[in-house]
């Protein structure tokens, strides 16, 4: 872990911090960035969002995408 990892927010513009948060939250850096874009940079909110995304089925995701466009 980096010495200066900010535990209060996730900075996806800092490549090293992004990698560390991704490992910490068991996500890819891309998933992390998408989650931050969706819910903001609060680690608790990002973690909850990632857990919610993972709990949906592929069928649920397809239906959501069809609704969008």
C-alpha atoms as a PDB file:
ATOM      1  CA  UNK A   1       0.000   0.000   0.000  1.00  0.00           C
ATOM      2  CA  UNK A   2       1.191   3.482  -0.730  1.00  0.00           C
ATOM      3  CA  UNK A   3       2.210   5.528   2.231  1.00  0.00           C
ATOM      4  CA  UNK A   4      -0.079   8.373   1.242  1.00  0.00           C
ATOM      5  CA  UNK A   5      -3.216   6.492   0.152  1.00  0.00           C
ATOM      6  CA  UNK A   6      -6.162   8.753   0.932  1.00  0.00           C
ATOM      7  CA  UNK A   7      -8.701   6.583   2.742  1.00  0.00           C
ATOM      8  CA  UNK A   8     -11.435   9.241   2.524  1.00  0.00           C
ATOM      9  CA  UNK A   9     -11.657   9.389  -1.264  1.00  0.00           C
ATOM     10  CA  UNK A  10     -10.629   7.511  -4.382  1.00  0.00           C
ATOM     11  CA  UNK A  11      -8.522   9.478  -6.840  1.00  0.00           C
ATOM     12  CA  UNK A  12      -8.889   7.680 -10.174  1.00  0.00           C
ATOM     13  CA  UNK A  13      -6.527  10.223 -11.750  1.00  0.00           C
ATOM     14  CA  UNK A  14      -3.661   8.888  -9.604  1.00  0.00           C
ATOM     15  CA  UNK A  15      -2.645   5.651 -11.350  1.00  0.00           C
ATOM     16  CA  UNK A  16      -0.958   4.157  -8.285  1.00  0.00           C
ATOM     17  CA  UNK A  17      -3.876   4.963  -5.971  1.00  0.00           C
ATOM     18  CA  UNK A  18      -6.330   3.650  -8.557  1.00  0.00           C
ATOM     19  CA  UNK A  19      -4.453   0.330  -8.747  1.00  0.00           C
ATOM     20  CA  UNK A  20      -4.351   0.062  -4.961  1.00  0.00           C
ATOM     21  CA  UNK A  21      -8.049   0.810  -4.543  1.00  0.00           C
ATOM     22  CA  UNK A  22      -8.890  -1.651  -7.311  1.00  0.00           C
ATOM     23  CA  UNK A  23      -6.970  -4.413  -5.491  1.00  0.00           C
ATOM     24  CA  UNK A  24      -8.466  -3.415  -2.169  1.00  0.00           C
ATOM     25  CA  UNK A  25     -12.031  -3.545  -3.542  1.00  0.00           C
ATOM     26  CA  UNK A  26     -11.405  -6.622  -5.719  1.00  0.00           C
ATOM     27  CA  UNK A  27     -12.174  -4.764  -8.936  1.00  0.00           C
ATOM     28  CA  UNK A  28     -10.386  -3.835 -12.106  1.00  0.00           C
ATOM     29  CA  UNK A  29      -9.204  -0.242 -12.486  1.00  0.00           C
ATOM     30  CA  UNK A  30     -11.849   0.170 -15.201  1.00  0.00           C
ATOM     31  CA  UNK A  31     -14.619  -1.071 -12.892  1.00  0.00           C
ATOM     32  CA  UNK A  32     -13.334   1.259 -10.190  1.00  0.00           C
ATOM     33  CA  UNK A  33     -13.386   4.256 -12.537  1.00  0.00           C
ATOM     34  CA  UNK A  34     -16.925   3.419 -13.701  1.00  0.00           C
ATOM     35  CA  UNK A  35     -18.079   3.113 -10.087  1.00  0.00           C
ATOM     36  CA  UNK A  36     -16.516   6.458  -9.133  1.00  0.00           C
ATOM     37  CA  UNK A  37     -18.185   8.054 -12.132  1.00  0.00           C
ATOM     38  CA  UNK A  38     -21.527   6.568 -11.057  1.00  0.00           C
ATOM     39  CA  UNK A  39     -21.475   7.292  -7.304  1.00  0.00           C
ATOM     40  CA  UNK A  40     -18.584   9.624  -6.538  1.00  0.00           C
ATOM     41  CA  UNK A  41     -15.228   9.092  -4.865  1.00  0.00           C
ATOM     42  CA  UNK A  42     -16.347   7.969  -1.392  1.00  0.00           C
ATOM     43  CA  UNK A  43     -14.828   4.496  -0.847  1.00  0.00           C
ATOM     44  CA  UNK A  44     -17.893   3.172   0.995  1.00  0.00           C
ATOM     45  CA  UNK A  45     -20.230   4.272  -1.778  1.00  0.00           C
ATOM     46  CA  UNK A  46     -17.933   2.799  -4.425  1.00  0.00           C
ATOM     47  CA  UNK A  47     -17.708  -0.512  -2.568  1.00  0.00           C
ATOM     48  CA  UNK A  48     -21.505  -0.709  -2.212  1.00  0.00           C
ATOM     49  CA  UNK A  49     -21.948   0.124  -5.896  1.00  0.00           C
ATOM     50  CA  UNK A  50     -19.472  -2.564  -6.931  1.00  0.00           C
ATOM     51  CA  UNK A  51     -21.220  -5.147  -4.748  1.00  0.00           C
ATOM     52  CA  UNK A  52     -24.582  -4.173  -6.247  1.00  0.00           C
ATOM     53  CA  UNK A  53     -23.278  -4.422  -9.798  1.00  0.00           C
ATOM     54  CA  UNK A  54     -21.824  -7.842  -9.097  1.00  0.00           C
ATOM     55  CA  UNK A  55     -25.054  -9.136  -7.596  1.00  0.00           C
ATOM     56  CA  UNK A  56     -27.082  -8.489 -10.734  1.00  0.00           C
ATOM     57  CA  UNK A  57     -27.407 -11.186 -13.360  1.00  0.00           C
ATOM     58  CA  UNK A  58     -26.361 -10.866 -16.965  1.00  0.00           C
ATOM     59  CA  UNK A  59     -30.042 -10.908 -17.899  1.00  0.00           C
ATOM     60  CA  UNK A  60     -30.653  -7.930 -15.591  1.00  0.00           C
ATOM     61  CA  UNK A  61     -27.771  -6.008 -17.178  1.00  0.00           C
ATOM     62  CA  UNK A  62     -29.035  -6.736 -20.707  1.00  0.00           C
ATOM     63  CA  UNK A  63     -32.509  -5.483 -19.788  1.00  0.00           C
ATOM     64  CA  UNK A  64     -31.025  -2.281 -18.321  1.00  0.00           C
ATOM     65  CA  UNK A  65     -28.968  -1.634 -21.448  1.00  0.00           C
ATOM     66  CA  UNK A  66     -32.002  -2.191 -23.674  1.00  0.00           C
ATOM     67  CA  UNK A  67     -33.950   0.361 -21.643  1.00  0.00           C
ATOM     68  CA  UNK A  68     -31.177   2.921 -22.134  1.00  0.00           C
ATOM     69  CA  UNK A  69     -31.070   2.851 -25.817  1.00  0.00           C
END
